[in-house]
Amino acid sequence: FSMKMTEDNLQEMIKASQTMNAKVLLVGMQVPPNYGADYAAQFSQVFIRLSKSHKTSVVPFLLKGIADAPNATEWFQADRIHPKATAHPRILANVWPVLKKLL
């Protein structure tokens, strides 16, 4: 998928939210390794770059400690895309410290 389109879409959502005086928390994601190391690095930087340029809060990677864990397959459903309920506390631990500051 187009990196520019992804970035443009995220940027428009940020702008629309900030226009309504909403506090924005940008939650980053990573693409699977089959996209290639260069593309994956560029993709993850989109979230960091947008958070800096629009002065938003950011969680760089929603699934940190889950998708990049040595036992990652244990944390995902059979589709290997969606985390199991057992991963939810880890997801919360990734998001809550940043989100709490916005409340």
PDB file of N, CA and C in Angstrom:
ATOM      1  N   PHE A   1       0.826  -1.172   0.000  1.00  0.00           N
ATOM      2  CA  PHE A   1       0.000   0.000   0.000  1.00  0.00           C
ATOM      3  C   PHE A   1       0.875   1.243   0.000  1.00  0.00           C
ATOM      4  N   SER A   2       0.310   2.344  -0.406  1.00  0.00           N
ATOM      5  CA  SER A   2       1.049   3.581  -0.587  1.00  0.00           C
ATOM      6  C   SER A   2       1.388   4.233   0.756  1.00  0.00           C
ATOM      7  N   MET A   3       2.679   4.462   0.958  1.00  0.00           N
ATOM      8  CA  MET A   3       3.140   5.120   2.182  1.00  0.00           C
ATOM      9  C   MET A   3       2.587   6.546   2.234  1.00  0.00           C
ATOM     10  N   LYS A   4       2.609   7.217   1.102  1.00  0.00           N
ATOM     11  CA  LYS A   4       2.117   8.597   1.052  1.00  0.00           C
ATOM     12  C   LYS A   4       0.624   8.656   1.374  1.00  0.00           C
ATOM     13  N   MET A   5      -0.138   7.727   0.842  1.00  0.00           N
ATOM     14  CA  MET A   5      -1.571   7.713   1.109  1.00  0.00           C
ATOM     15  C   MET A   5      -1.832   7.476   2.598  1.00  0.00           C
ATOM     16  N   THR A   6      -1.090   6.558   3.182  1.00  0.00           N
ATOM     17  CA  THR A   6      -1.229   6.278   4.609  1.00  0.00           C
ATOM     18  C   THR A   6      -0.937   7.535   5.424  1.00  0.00           C
ATOM     19  N   GLU A   7       0.171   8.175   5.112  1.00  0.00           N
ATOM     20  CA  GLU A   7       0.556   9.377   5.847  1.00  0.00           C
ATOM     21  C   GLU A   7      -0.460  10.504   5.640  1.00  0.00           C
ATOM     22  N   ASP A   8      -0.886  10.689   4.407  1.00  0.00           N
ATOM     23  CA  ASP A   8      -1.880  11.731   4.115  1.00  0.00           C
ATOM     24  C   ASP A   8      -3.189  11.480   4.867  1.00  0.00           C
ATOM     25  N   ASN A   9      -3.646  10.236   4.880  1.00  0.00           N
ATOM     26  CA  ASN A   9      -4.892   9.906   5.580  1.00  0.00           C
ATOM     27  C   ASN A   9      -4.772  10.154   7.085  1.00  0.00           C
ATOM     28  N   LEU A  10      -3.668   9.718   7.661  1.00  0.00           N
ATOM     29  CA  LEU A  10      -3.456   9.958   9.090  1.00  0.00           C
ATOM     30  C   LEU A  10      -3.392  11.453   9.381  1.00  0.00           C
ATOM     31  N   GLN A  11      -2.711  12.177   8.531  1.00  0.00           N
ATOM     32  CA  GLN A  11      -2.584  13.619   8.717  1.00  0.00           C
ATOM     33  C   GLN A  11      -3.953  14.305   8.683  1.00  0.00           C
ATOM     34  N   GLU A  12      -4.791  13.898   7.760  1.00  0.00           N
ATOM     35  CA  GLU A  12      -6.127  14.491   7.669  1.00  0.00           C
ATOM     36  C   GLU A  12      -6.969  14.174   8.905  1.00  0.00           C
ATOM     37  N   MET A  13      -6.833  12.964   9.429  1.00  0.00           N
ATOM     38  CA  MET A  13      -7.564  12.612  10.653  1.00  0.00           C
ATOM     39  C   MET A  13      -7.064  13.430  11.845  1.00  0.00           C
ATOM     40  N   ILE A  14      -5.761  13.626  11.924  1.00  0.00           N
ATOM     41  CA  ILE A  14      -5.185  14.435  13.003  1.00  0.00           C
ATOM     42  C   ILE A  14      -5.708  15.863  12.907  1.00  0.00           C
ATOM     43  N   LYS A  15      -5.630  16.430  11.705  1.00  0.00           N
ATOM     44  CA  LYS A  15      -6.089  17.812  11.512  1.00  0.00           C
ATOM     45  C   LYS A  15      -7.569  17.965  11.859  1.00  0.00           C
ATOM     46  N   ALA A  16      -8.386  17.030  11.404  1.00  0.00           N
ATOM     47  CA  ALA A  16      -9.821  17.094  11.682  1.00  0.00           C
ATOM     48  C   ALA A  16     -10.083  17.018  13.185  1.00  0.00           C
ATOM     49  N   SER A  17      -9.358  16.157  13.864  1.00  0.00           N
ATOM     50  CA  SER A  17      -9.523  16.018  15.317  1.00  0.00           C
ATOM     51  C   SER A  17      -9.074  17.276  16.039  1.00  0.00           C
ATOM     52  N   GLN A  18      -7.930  17.811  15.644  1.00  0.00           N
ATOM     53  CA  GLN A  18      -7.421  19.010  16.305  1.00  0.00           C
ATOM     54  C   GLN A  18      -8.303  20.220  16.017  1.00  0.00           C
ATOM     55  N   THR A  19      -8.931  20.260  14.855  1.00  0.00           N
ATOM     56  CA  THR A  19      -9.863  21.343  14.531  1.00  0.00           C
ATOM     57  C   THR A  19     -11.026  21.351  15.514  1.00  0.00           C
ATOM     58  N   MET A  20     -11.385  20.174  15.997  1.00  0.00           N
ATOM     59  CA  MET A  20     -12.483  20.048  16.973  1.00  0.00           C
ATOM     60  C   MET A  20     -11.961  20.160  18.409  1.00  0.00           C
ATOM     61  N   ASN A  21     -10.705  20.585  18.552  1.00  0.00           N
ATOM     62  CA  ASN A  21     -10.050  20.753  19.854  1.00  0.00           C
ATOM     63  C   ASN A  21      -9.887  19.438  20.617  1.00  0.00           C
ATOM     64  N   ALA A  22      -9.833  18.354  19.892  1.00  0.00           N
ATOM     65  CA  ALA A  22      -9.602  17.053  20.526  1.00  0.00           C
ATOM     66  C   ALA A  22      -8.110  16.864  20.783  1.00  0.00           C
ATOM     67  N   LYS A  23      -7.802  16.197  21.866  1.00  0.00           N
ATOM     68  CA  LYS A  23      -6.418  15.800  22.126  1.00  0.00           C
ATOM     69  C   LYS A  23      -6.185  14.522  21.331  1.00  0.00           C
ATOM     70  N   VAL A  24      -5.084  14.479  20.624  1.00  0.00           N
ATOM     71  CA  VAL A  24      -4.821  13.352  19.729  1.00  0.00           C
ATOM     72  C   VAL A  24      -3.720  12.472  20.304  1.00  0.00           C
ATOM     73  N   LEU A  25      -4.006  11.196  20.311  1.00  0.00           N
ATOM     74  CA  LEU A  25      -3.003  10.190  20.650  1.00  0.00           C
ATOM     75  C   LEU A  25      -2.840   9.322  19.415  1.00  0.00           C
ATOM     76  N   LEU A  26      -1.712   9.434  18.787  1.00  0.00           N
ATOM     77  CA  LEU A  26      -1.415   8.648  17.601  1.00  0.00           C
ATOM     78  C   LEU A  26      -0.813   7.319  18.049  1.00  0.00           C
ATOM     79  N   VAL A  27      -1.462   6.240  17.662  1.00  0.00           N
ATOM     80  CA  VAL A  27      -1.018   4.904  18.076  1.00  0.00           C
ATOM     81  C   VAL A  27      -0.419   4.208  16.859  1.00  0.00           C
ATOM     82  N   GLY A  28       0.876   3.978  16.925  1.00  0.00           N
ATOM     83  CA  GLY A  28       1.605   3.422  15.794  1.00  0.00           C
ATOM     84  C   GLY A  28       1.478   1.918  15.665  1.00  0.00           C
ATOM     85  N   MET A  29       1.728   1.499  14.471  1.00  0.00           N
ATOM     86  CA  MET A  29       1.686   0.083  14.129  1.00  0.00           C
ATOM     87  C   MET A  29       2.924  -0.238  13.303  1.00  0.00           C
ATOM     88  N   GLN A  30       3.184  -1.491  13.105  1.00  0.00           N
ATOM     89  CA  GLN A  30       4.271  -1.932  12.239  1.00  0.00           C
ATOM     90  C   GLN A  30       3.707  -2.911  11.229  1.00  0.00           C
ATOM     91  N   VAL A  31       4.367  -2.972  10.084  1.00  0.00           N
ATOM     92  CA  VAL A  31       3.954  -3.928   9.060  1.00  0.00           C
ATOM     93  C   VAL A  31       4.730  -5.224   9.250  1.00  0.00           C
ATOM     94  N   PRO A  32       4.195  -6.330   8.758  1.00  0.00           N
ATOM     95  CA  PRO A  32       4.908  -7.603   8.868  1.00  0.00           C
ATOM     96  C   PRO A  32       6.243  -7.559   8.107  1.00  0.00           C
ATOM     97  N   PRO A  33       7.173  -8.413   8.500  1.00  0.00           N
ATOM     98  CA  PRO A  33       8.505  -8.399   7.895  1.00  0.00           C
ATOM     99  C   PRO A  33       8.529  -8.701   6.392  1.00  0.00           C
ATOM    100  N   ASN A  34       7.489  -9.330   5.876  1.00  0.00           N
ATOM    101  CA  ASN A  34       7.497  -9.658   4.447  1.00  0.00           C
ATOM    102  C   ASN A  34       7.395  -8.409   3.560  1.00  0.00           C
ATOM    103  N   TYR A  35       7.147  -7.247   4.149  1.00  0.00           N
ATOM    104  CA  TYR A  35       7.140  -5.993   3.386  1.00  0.00           C
ATOM    105  C   TYR A  35       8.565  -5.497   3.138  1.00  0.00           C
ATOM    106  N   GLY A  36       9.522  -6.044   3.845  1.00  0.00           N
ATOM    107  CA  GLY A  36      10.915  -5.634   3.690  1.00  0.00           C
ATOM    108  C   GLY A  36      11.325  -4.655   4.780  1.00  0.00           C
ATOM    109  N   ALA A  37      12.595  -4.712   5.137  1.00  0.00           N
ATOM    110  CA  ALA A  37      13.116  -3.902   6.242  1.00  0.00           C
ATOM    111  C   ALA A  37      13.016  -2.404   5.956  1.00  0.00           C
ATOM    112  N   ASP A  38      13.312  -1.985   4.743  1.00  0.00           N
ATOM    113  CA  ASP A  38      13.278  -0.570   4.402  1.00  0.00           C
ATOM    114  C   ASP A  38      11.860  -0.019   4.506  1.00  0.00           C
ATOM    115  N   TYR A  39      10.911  -0.733   3.909  1.00  0.00           N
ATOM    116  CA  TYR A  39       9.514  -0.293   3.959  1.00  0.00           C
ATOM    117  C   TYR A  39       9.010  -0.269   5.401  1.00  0.00           C
ATOM    118  N   ALA A  40       9.350  -1.288   6.157  1.00  0.00           N
ATOM    119  CA  ALA A  40       8.910  -1.367   7.553  1.00  0.00           C
ATOM    120  C   ALA A  40       9.449  -0.193   8.367  1.00  0.00           C
ATOM    121  N   ALA A  41      10.710   0.153   8.155  1.00  0.00           N
ATOM    122  CA  ALA A  41      11.309   1.283   8.872  1.00  0.00           C
ATOM    123  C   ALA A  41      10.630   2.588   8.486  1.00  0.00           C
ATOM    124  N   GLN A  42      10.384   2.770   7.205  1.00  0.00           N
ATOM    125  CA  GLN A  42       9.705   3.983   6.735  1.00  0.00           C
ATOM    126  C   GLN A  42       8.293   4.076   7.320  1.00  0.00           C
ATOM    127  N   PHE A  43       7.595   2.951   7.321  1.00  0.00           N
ATOM    128  CA  PHE A  43       6.225   2.929   7.833  1.00  0.00           C
ATOM    129  C   PHE A  43       6.180   3.329   9.303  1.00  0.00           C
ATOM    130  N   SER A  44       7.047   2.760  10.115  1.00  0.00           N
ATOM    131  CA  SER A  44       7.013   3.070  11.551  1.00  0.00           C
ATOM    132  C   SER A  44       7.376   4.527  11.810  1.00  0.00           C
ATOM    133  N   GLN A  45       8.191   5.113  10.943  1.00  0.00           N
ATOM    134  CA  GLN A  45       8.574   6.514  11.119  1.00  0.00           C
ATOM    135  C   GLN A  45       7.448   7.481  10.788  1.00  0.00           C
ATOM    136  N   VAL A  46       6.468   7.049  10.005  1.00  0.00           N
ATOM    137  CA  VAL A  46       5.322   7.906   9.680  1.00  0.00           C
ATOM    138  C   VAL A  46       4.662   8.394  10.966  1.00  0.00           C
ATOM    139  N   PHE A  47       4.455   7.521  11.921  1.00  0.00           N
ATOM    140  CA  PHE A  47       3.773   7.867  13.160  1.00  0.00           C
ATOM    141  C   PHE A  47       4.592   8.862  13.981  1.00  0.00           C
ATOM    142  N   ILE A  48       5.891   8.643  14.050  1.00  0.00           N
ATOM    143  CA  ILE A  48       6.775   9.534  14.798  1.00  0.00           C
ATOM    144  C   ILE A  48       6.811  10.914  14.136  1.00  0.00           C
ATOM    145  N   ARG A  49       6.980  10.919  12.829  1.00  0.00           N
ATOM    146  CA  ARG A  49       7.050  12.178  12.079  1.00  0.00           C
ATOM    147  C   ARG A  49       5.756  12.996  12.238  1.00  0.00           C
ATOM    148  N   LEU A  50       4.606  12.336  12.095  1.00  0.00           N
ATOM    149  CA  LEU A  50       3.337  13.040  12.228  1.00  0.00           C
ATOM    150  C   LEU A  50       3.121  13.549  13.650  1.00  0.00           C
ATOM    151  N   SER A  51       3.518  12.767  14.636  1.00  0.00           N
ATOM    152  CA  SER A  51       3.333  13.214  16.019  1.00  0.00           C
ATOM    153  C   SER A  51       4.178  14.460  16.290  1.00  0.00           C
ATOM    154  N   LYS A  52       5.356  14.515  15.713  1.00  0.00           N
ATOM    155  CA  LYS A  52       6.205  15.696  15.895  1.00  0.00           C
ATOM    156  C   LYS A  52       5.646  16.897  15.147  1.00  0.00           C
ATOM    157  N   SER A  53       5.267  16.697  13.903  1.00  0.00           N
ATOM    158  CA  SER A  53       4.824  17.837  13.096  1.00  0.00           C
ATOM    159  C   SER A  53       3.478  18.393  13.548  1.00  0.00           C
ATOM    160  N   HIS A  54       2.648  17.556  14.167  1.00  0.00           N
ATOM    161  CA  HIS A  54       1.337  18.023  14.632  1.00  0.00           C
ATOM    162  C   HIS A  54       1.245  18.122  16.151  1.00  0.00           C
ATOM    163  N   LYS A  55       2.388  17.919  16.809  1.00  0.00           N
ATOM    164  CA  LYS A  55       2.463  18.029  18.266  1.00  0.00           C
ATOM    165  C   LYS A  55       1.404  17.174  18.968  1.00  0.00           C
ATOM    166  N   THR A  56       1.359  15.917  18.584  1.00  0.00           N
ATOM    167  CA  THR A  56       0.442  14.978  19.224  1.00  0.00           C
ATOM    168  C   THR A  56       1.222  14.049  20.149  1.00  0.00           C
ATOM    169  N   SER A  57       0.518  13.398  21.011  1.00  0.00           N
ATOM    170  CA  SER A  57       1.116  12.318  21.793  1.00  0.00           C
ATOM    171  C   SER A  57       1.212  11.105  20.877  1.00  0.00           C
ATOM    172  N   VAL A  58       2.116  10.196  21.214  1.00  0.00           N
ATOM    173  CA  VAL A  58       2.294   9.021  20.357  1.00  0.00           C
ATOM    174  C   VAL A  58       2.684   7.803  21.180  1.00  0.00           C
ATOM    175  N   VAL A  59       2.134   6.673  20.798  1.00  0.00           N
ATOM    176  CA  VAL A  59       2.588   5.364  21.241  1.00  0.00           C
ATOM    177  C   VAL A  59       3.208   4.773  19.986  1.00  0.00           C
ATOM    178  N   PRO A  60       4.525   4.641  19.921  1.00  0.00           N
ATOM    179  CA  PRO A  60       5.166   4.235  18.671  1.00  0.00           C
ATOM    180  C   PRO A  60       4.699   2.892  18.102  1.00  0.00           C
ATOM    181  N   PHE A  61       4.400   1.922  18.984  1.00  0.00           N
ATOM    182  CA  PHE A  61       4.001   0.602  18.491  1.00  0.00           C
ATOM    183  C   PHE A  61       3.012  -0.021  19.460  1.00  0.00           C
ATOM    184  N   LEU A  62       1.756  -0.098  19.058  1.00  0.00           N
ATOM    185  CA  LEU A  62       0.677  -0.626  19.883  1.00  0.00           C
ATOM    186  C   LEU A  62       0.987  -2.024  20.421  1.00  0.00           C
ATOM    187  N   LEU A  63       1.604  -2.856  19.604  1.00  0.00           N
ATOM    188  CA  LEU A  63       1.809  -4.262  19.967  1.00  0.00           C
ATOM    189  C   LEU A  63       3.222  -4.569  20.466  1.00  0.00           C
ATOM    190  N   LYS A  64       3.898  -3.552  21.013  1.00  0.00           N
ATOM    191  CA  LYS A  64       5.241  -3.767  21.559  1.00  0.00           C
ATOM    192  C   LYS A  64       5.144  -4.791  22.693  1.00  0.00           C
ATOM    193  N   GLY A  65       6.076  -5.721  22.688  1.00  0.00           N
ATOM    194  CA  GLY A  65       6.077  -6.764  23.706  1.00  0.00           C
ATOM    195  C   GLY A  65       5.115  -7.899  23.394  1.00  0.00           C
ATOM    196  N   ILE A  66       4.428  -7.781  22.267  1.00  0.00           N
ATOM    197  CA  ILE A  66       3.486  -8.821  21.837  1.00  0.00           C
ATOM    198  C   ILE A  66       3.948  -9.346  20.481  1.00  0.00           C
ATOM    199  N   ALA A  67       3.822  -8.507  19.458  1.00  0.00           N
ATOM    200  CA  ALA A  67       4.208  -8.929  18.104  1.00  0.00           C
ATOM    201  C   ALA A  67       5.714  -9.115  17.964  1.00  0.00           C
ATOM    202  N   ASP A  68       6.494  -8.403  18.773  1.00  0.00           N
ATOM    203  CA  ASP A  68       7.950  -8.522  18.686  1.00  0.00           C
ATOM    204  C   ASP A  68       8.536  -9.398  19.800  1.00  0.00           C
ATOM    205  N   ALA A  69       7.672 -10.083  20.532  1.00  0.00           N
ATOM    206  CA  ALA A  69       8.137 -10.988  21.592  1.00  0.00           C
ATOM    207  C   ALA A  69       8.661 -12.283  20.975  1.00  0.00           C
ATOM    208  N   PRO A  70       9.600 -12.937  21.641  1.00  0.00           N
ATOM    209  CA  PRO A  70      10.117 -14.206  21.113  1.00  0.00           C
ATOM    210  C   PRO A  70       9.027 -15.258  20.915  1.00  0.00           C
ATOM    211  N   ASN A  71       7.997 -15.186  21.747  1.00  0.00           N
ATOM    212  CA  ASN A  71       6.890 -16.144  21.677  1.00  0.00           C
ATOM    213  C   ASN A  71       5.635 -15.481  21.083  1.00  0.00           C
ATOM    214  N   ALA A  72       5.817 -14.641  20.088  1.00  0.00           N
ATOM    215  CA  ALA A  72       4.732 -13.821  19.533  1.00  0.00           C
ATOM    216  C   ALA A  72       3.503 -14.636  19.124  1.00  0.00           C
ATOM    217  N   THR A  73       3.705 -15.807  18.569  1.00  0.00           N
ATOM    218  CA  THR A  73       2.558 -16.588  18.097  1.00  0.00           C
ATOM    219  C   THR A  73       1.601 -16.961  19.237  1.00  0.00           C
ATOM    220  N   GLU A  74       2.104 -17.023  20.448  1.00  0.00           N
ATOM    221  CA  GLU A  74       1.254 -17.342  21.595  1.00  0.00           C
ATOM    222  C   GLU A  74       0.263 -16.231  21.918  1.00  0.00           C
ATOM    223  N   TRP A  75       0.555 -15.023  21.470  1.00  0.00           N
ATOM    224  CA  TRP A  75      -0.271 -13.863  21.794  1.00  0.00           C
ATOM    225  C   TRP A  75      -1.347 -13.578  20.748  1.00  0.00           C
ATOM    226  N   PHE A  76      -1.338 -14.325  19.636  1.00  0.00           N
ATOM    227  CA  PHE A  76      -2.254 -14.042  18.536  1.00  0.00           C
ATOM    228  C   PHE A  76      -3.242 -15.167  18.292  1.00  0.00           C
ATOM    229  N   GLN A  77      -4.394 -14.776  17.758  1.00  0.00           N
ATOM    230  CA  GLN A  77      -5.395 -15.747  17.350  1.00  0.00           C
ATOM    231  C   GLN A  77      -4.859 -16.529  16.152  1.00  0.00           C
ATOM    232  N   ALA A  78      -5.584 -17.528  15.713  1.00  0.00           N
ATOM    233  CA  ALA A  78      -5.144 -18.397  14.617  1.00  0.00           C
ATOM    234  C   ALA A  78      -4.854 -17.634  13.335  1.00  0.00           C
ATOM    235  N   ASP A  79      -5.494 -16.468  13.144  1.00  0.00           N
ATOM    236  CA  ASP A  79      -5.243 -15.691  11.921  1.00  0.00           C
ATOM    237  C   ASP A  79      -3.882 -15.001  11.936  1.00  0.00           C
ATOM    238  N   ARG A  80      -3.193 -15.009  13.080  1.00  0.00           N
ATOM    239  CA  ARG A  80      -1.879 -14.403  13.280  1.00  0.00           C
ATOM    240  C   ARG A  80      -1.881 -12.890  13.038  1.00  0.00           C
ATOM    241  N   ILE A  81      -3.071 -12.290  13.118  1.00  0.00           N
ATOM    242  CA  ILE A  81      -3.223 -10.848  12.935  1.00  0.00           C
ATOM    243  C   ILE A  81      -3.781 -10.210  14.210  1.00  0.00           C
ATOM    244  N   HIS A  82      -4.800 -10.818  14.754  1.00  0.00           N
ATOM    245  CA  HIS A  82      -5.503 -10.243  15.893  1.00  0.00           C
ATOM    246  C   HIS A  82      -5.009 -10.841  17.212  1.00  0.00           C
ATOM    247  N   PRO A  83      -4.658  -9.967  18.166  1.00  0.00           N
ATOM    248  CA  PRO A  83      -4.195 -10.465  19.462  1.00  0.00           C
ATOM    249  C   PRO A  83      -5.313 -11.192  20.226  1.00  0.00           C
ATOM    250  N   LYS A  84      -4.908 -12.138  21.024  1.00  0.00           N
ATOM    251  CA  LYS A  84      -5.833 -12.838  21.925  1.00  0.00           C
ATOM    252  C   LYS A  84      -6.163 -11.923  23.099  1.00  0.00           C
ATOM    253  N   ALA A  85      -7.194 -12.270  23.816  1.00  0.00           N
ATOM    254  CA  ALA A  85      -7.579 -11.504  25.010  1.00  0.00           C
ATOM    255  C   ALA A  85      -6.437 -11.455  26.023  1.00  0.00           C
ATOM    256  N   THR A  86      -5.613 -12.488  26.071  1.00  0.00           N
ATOM    257  CA  THR A  86      -4.497 -12.510  27.020  1.00  0.00           C
ATOM    258  C   THR A  86      -3.460 -11.426  26.721  1.00  0.00           C
ATOM    259  N   ALA A  87      -3.483 -10.885  25.521  1.00  0.00           N
ATOM    260  CA  ALA A  87      -2.552  -9.812  25.156  1.00  0.00           C
ATOM    261  C   ALA A  87      -3.064  -8.434  25.580  1.00  0.00           C
ATOM    262  N   HIS A  88      -4.333  -8.332  25.905  1.00  0.00           N
ATOM    263  CA  HIS A  88      -4.927  -7.039  26.221  1.00  0.00           C
ATOM    264  C   HIS A  88      -4.233  -6.297  27.362  1.00  0.00           C
ATOM    265  N   PRO A  89      -3.830  -6.963  28.439  1.00  0.00           N
ATOM    266  CA  PRO A  89      -3.107  -6.220  29.486  1.00  0.00           C
ATOM    267  C   PRO A  89      -1.796  -5.608  28.977  1.00  0.00           C
ATOM    268  N   ARG A  90      -1.125  -6.284  28.079  1.00  0.00           N
ATOM    269  CA  ARG A  90       0.108  -5.722  27.518  1.00  0.00           C
ATOM    270  C   ARG A  90      -0.198  -4.525  26.624  1.00  0.00           C
ATOM    271  N   ILE A  91      -1.261  -4.610  25.853  1.00  0.00           N
ATOM    272  CA  ILE A  91      -1.676  -3.492  25.005  1.00  0.00           C
ATOM    273  C   ILE A  91      -2.020  -2.291  25.894  1.00  0.00           C
ATOM    274  N   LEU A  92      -2.766  -2.548  26.952  1.00  0.00           N
ATOM    275  CA  LEU A  92      -3.102  -1.485  27.900  1.00  0.00           C
ATOM    276  C   LEU A  92      -1.835  -0.853  28.477  1.00  0.00           C
ATOM    277  N   ALA A  93      -0.877  -1.671  28.825  1.00  0.00           N
ATOM    278  CA  ALA A  93       0.374  -1.163  29.392  1.00  0.00           C
ATOM    279  C   ALA A  93       1.129  -0.289  28.392  1.00  0.00           C
ATOM    280  N   ASN A  94       0.950  -0.543  27.111  1.00  0.00           N
ATOM    281  CA  ASN A  94       1.597   0.279  26.085  1.00  0.00           C
ATOM    282  C   ASN A  94       0.898   1.625  25.909  1.00  0.00           C
ATOM    283  N   VAL A  95      -0.416   1.635  26.036  1.00  0.00           N
ATOM    284  CA  VAL A  95      -1.204   2.826  25.736  1.00  0.00           C
ATOM    285  C   VAL A  95      -1.492   3.685  26.965  1.00  0.00           C
ATOM    286  N   TRP A  96      -1.823   3.066  28.071  1.00  0.00           N
ATOM    287  CA  TRP A  96      -2.329   3.799  29.218  1.00  0.00           C
ATOM    288  C   TRP A  96      -1.396   4.906  29.724  1.00  0.00           C
ATOM    289  N   PRO A  97      -0.098   4.688  29.881  1.00  0.00           N
ATOM    290  CA  PRO A  97       0.767   5.767  30.411  1.00  0.00           C
ATOM    291  C   PRO A  97       0.684   7.045  29.569  1.00  0.00           C
ATOM    292  N   VAL A  98       0.551   6.916  28.279  1.00  0.00           N
ATOM    293  CA  VAL A  98       0.480   8.085  27.400  1.00  0.00           C
ATOM    294  C   VAL A  98      -0.930   8.662  27.411  1.00  0.00           C
ATOM    295  N   LEU A  99      -1.919   7.801  27.324  1.00  0.00           N
ATOM    296  CA  LEU A  99      -3.319   8.234  27.323  1.00  0.00           C
ATOM    297  C   LEU A  99      -3.689   8.958  28.615  1.00  0.00           C
ATOM    298  N   LYS A 100      -3.214   8.445  29.736  1.00  0.00           N
ATOM    299  CA  LYS A 100      -3.536   9.007  31.045  1.00  0.00           C
ATOM    300  C   LYS A 100      -3.144  10.484  31.120  1.00  0.00           C
ATOM    301  N   LYS A 101      -2.053  10.846  30.488  1.00  0.00           N
ATOM    302  CA  LYS A 101      -1.582  12.238  30.501  1.00  0.00           C
ATOM    303  C   LYS A 101      -2.537  13.171  29.753  1.00  0.00           C
ATOM    304  N   LEU A 102      -3.329  12.619  28.853  1.00  0.00           N
ATOM    305  CA  LEU A 102      -4.260  13.442  28.064  1.00  0.00           C
ATOM    306  C   LEU A 102      -5.597  13.651  28.745  1.00  0.00           C
ATOM    307  N   LEU A 103      -5.864  12.891  29.802  1.00  0.00           N
ATOM    308  CA  LEU A 103      -7.167  12.987  30.469  1.00  0.00           C
ATOM    309  C   LEU A 103      -7.207  14.117  31.486  1.00  0.00           C
TER     310      LEU A 103
END
